[in-house]
Amino acid sequence: MAEEEQENSNGGSAALLNVNVDIVAVLGVAELRISQILQLGRGAVVELERKVGEPVELKAEGKLVAKGEVVVTDEKLAVQITDVVNASPDN
């Protein structure tokens, strides 16, 4: 019985390793009034709270998992991870 539980446990975790999770890179956040949003147009600049040089956040399912720097690879933006956040119930 214990061997069967262990096999189910290992099989379950192995299956989880193949699950896709969306990762979101948070460049910054801005709070705007609806009147400000309605005035946005082509060329408008929305100032974010994050300062130049501050790391961007990588989130999985809304939870912070890492921080990094924005880089360009080929012709795409990417995030080079500089810090992996330890998993904890508070994250």
Protein backbone atom coordinates (compact mmCIF):
# COMPACT_ATOMS: atom_id res chain seq x y z
CA MET A 1 0.00 0.00 0.00
CA ALA A 2 2.82 2.45 0.85
CA GLU A 3 4.54 1.66 -2.47
CA GLU A 4 1.30 2.39 -4.35
CA GLU A 5 0.92 5.74 -2.59
CA GLN A 6 4.54 6.61 -3.41
CA GLU A 7 3.99 5.72 -7.09
CA ASN A 8 0.86 7.88 -7.21
CA SER A 9 2.75 10.68 -5.52
CA ASN A 10 5.66 10.51 -7.98
CA GLY A 11 3.34 10.19 -10.97
CA GLY A 12 1.34 13.19 -9.82
CA SER A 13 4.39 15.41 -9.48
CA ALA A 14 5.78 14.21 -12.80
CA ALA A 15 2.49 15.16 -14.47
CA LEU A 16 2.64 18.61 -12.88
CA LEU A 17 6.04 19.24 -14.44
CA ASN A 18 4.38 19.21 -17.87
CA VAL A 19 1.70 21.80 -17.03
CA ASN A 20 2.09 25.15 -18.82
CA VAL A 21 1.88 28.27 -16.66
CA ASP A 22 1.68 31.80 -18.05
CA ILE A 23 4.48 34.06 -16.83
CA VAL A 24 3.79 37.79 -16.73
CA ALA A 25 6.57 40.40 -16.72
CA VAL A 26 5.40 43.46 -14.80
CA LEU A 27 7.19 46.49 -16.15
CA GLY A 28 5.29 48.89 -13.93
CA VAL A 29 1.89 50.15 -12.83
CA ALA A 30 0.11 53.46 -13.24
CA GLU A 31 -3.14 54.66 -11.71
CA LEU A 32 -5.21 56.87 -13.99
CA ARG A 33 -8.63 58.45 -13.67
CA ILE A 34 -11.14 57.46 -16.34
CA SER A 35 -11.02 61.02 -17.68
CA GLN A 36 -7.25 60.62 -18.19
CA ILE A 37 -7.70 57.27 -19.94
CA LEU A 38 -10.26 58.81 -22.30
CA GLN A 39 -7.72 61.48 -23.26
CA LEU A 40 -5.04 58.93 -24.23
CA GLY A 41 -4.13 58.81 -27.88
CA ARG A 42 -1.33 57.79 -30.18
CA GLY A 43 1.97 59.07 -28.81
CA ALA A 44 0.64 59.56 -25.27
CA VAL A 45 3.07 58.69 -22.49
CA VAL A 46 1.88 56.88 -19.37
CA GLU A 47 4.35 57.27 -16.52
CA LEU A 48 4.86 54.14 -14.44
CA GLU A 49 5.76 54.02 -10.76
CA ARG A 50 8.90 51.97 -11.41
CA LYS A 51 12.19 53.84 -11.75
CA VAL A 52 14.72 53.29 -14.54
CA GLY A 53 17.09 50.49 -13.55
CA GLU A 54 14.69 48.88 -11.08
CA PRO A 55 14.10 45.19 -11.74
CA VAL A 56 10.88 44.05 -13.38
CA GLU A 57 8.81 41.39 -11.65
CA LEU A 58 8.01 37.97 -13.09
CA LYS A 59 4.74 36.53 -11.84
CA ALA A 60 3.17 33.10 -12.26
CA GLU A 61 -0.52 32.87 -11.46
CA GLY A 62 -0.27 36.28 -9.82
CA LYS A 63 2.54 35.21 -7.49
CA LEU A 64 5.97 36.83 -7.61
CA VAL A 65 8.52 34.19 -8.65
CA ALA A 66 11.52 36.20 -9.85
CA LYS A 67 12.93 39.63 -10.66
CA GLY A 68 15.09 40.61 -13.58
CA GLU A 69 16.26 43.11 -16.16
CA VAL A 70 14.69 43.76 -19.54
CA VAL A 71 16.99 42.70 -22.39
CA VAL A 72 16.66 42.31 -26.15
CA THR A 73 17.23 38.89 -27.71
CA ASP A 74 17.18 38.80 -31.51
CA GLU A 75 14.24 41.13 -32.14
CA LYS A 76 12.21 40.31 -29.01
CA LEU A 77 12.11 41.64 -25.48
CA ALA A 78 13.10 39.23 -22.73
CA VAL A 79 13.81 39.28 -19.01
CA GLN A 80 17.20 38.18 -17.70
CA ILE A 81 16.55 36.81 -14.21
CA THR A 82 18.62 38.43 -11.49
CA ASP A 83 16.82 37.10 -8.42
CA VAL A 84 14.61 34.06 -7.82
CA VAL A 85 12.09 34.69 -5.07
CA ASN A 86 11.87 32.01 -2.40
CA ALA A 87 8.50 30.28 -2.28
CA SER A 88 6.53 31.17 0.81
CA PRO A 89 2.84 31.37 1.69
CA ASP A 90 3.05 35.20 1.75
CA ASN A 91 4.22 35.51 -1.92
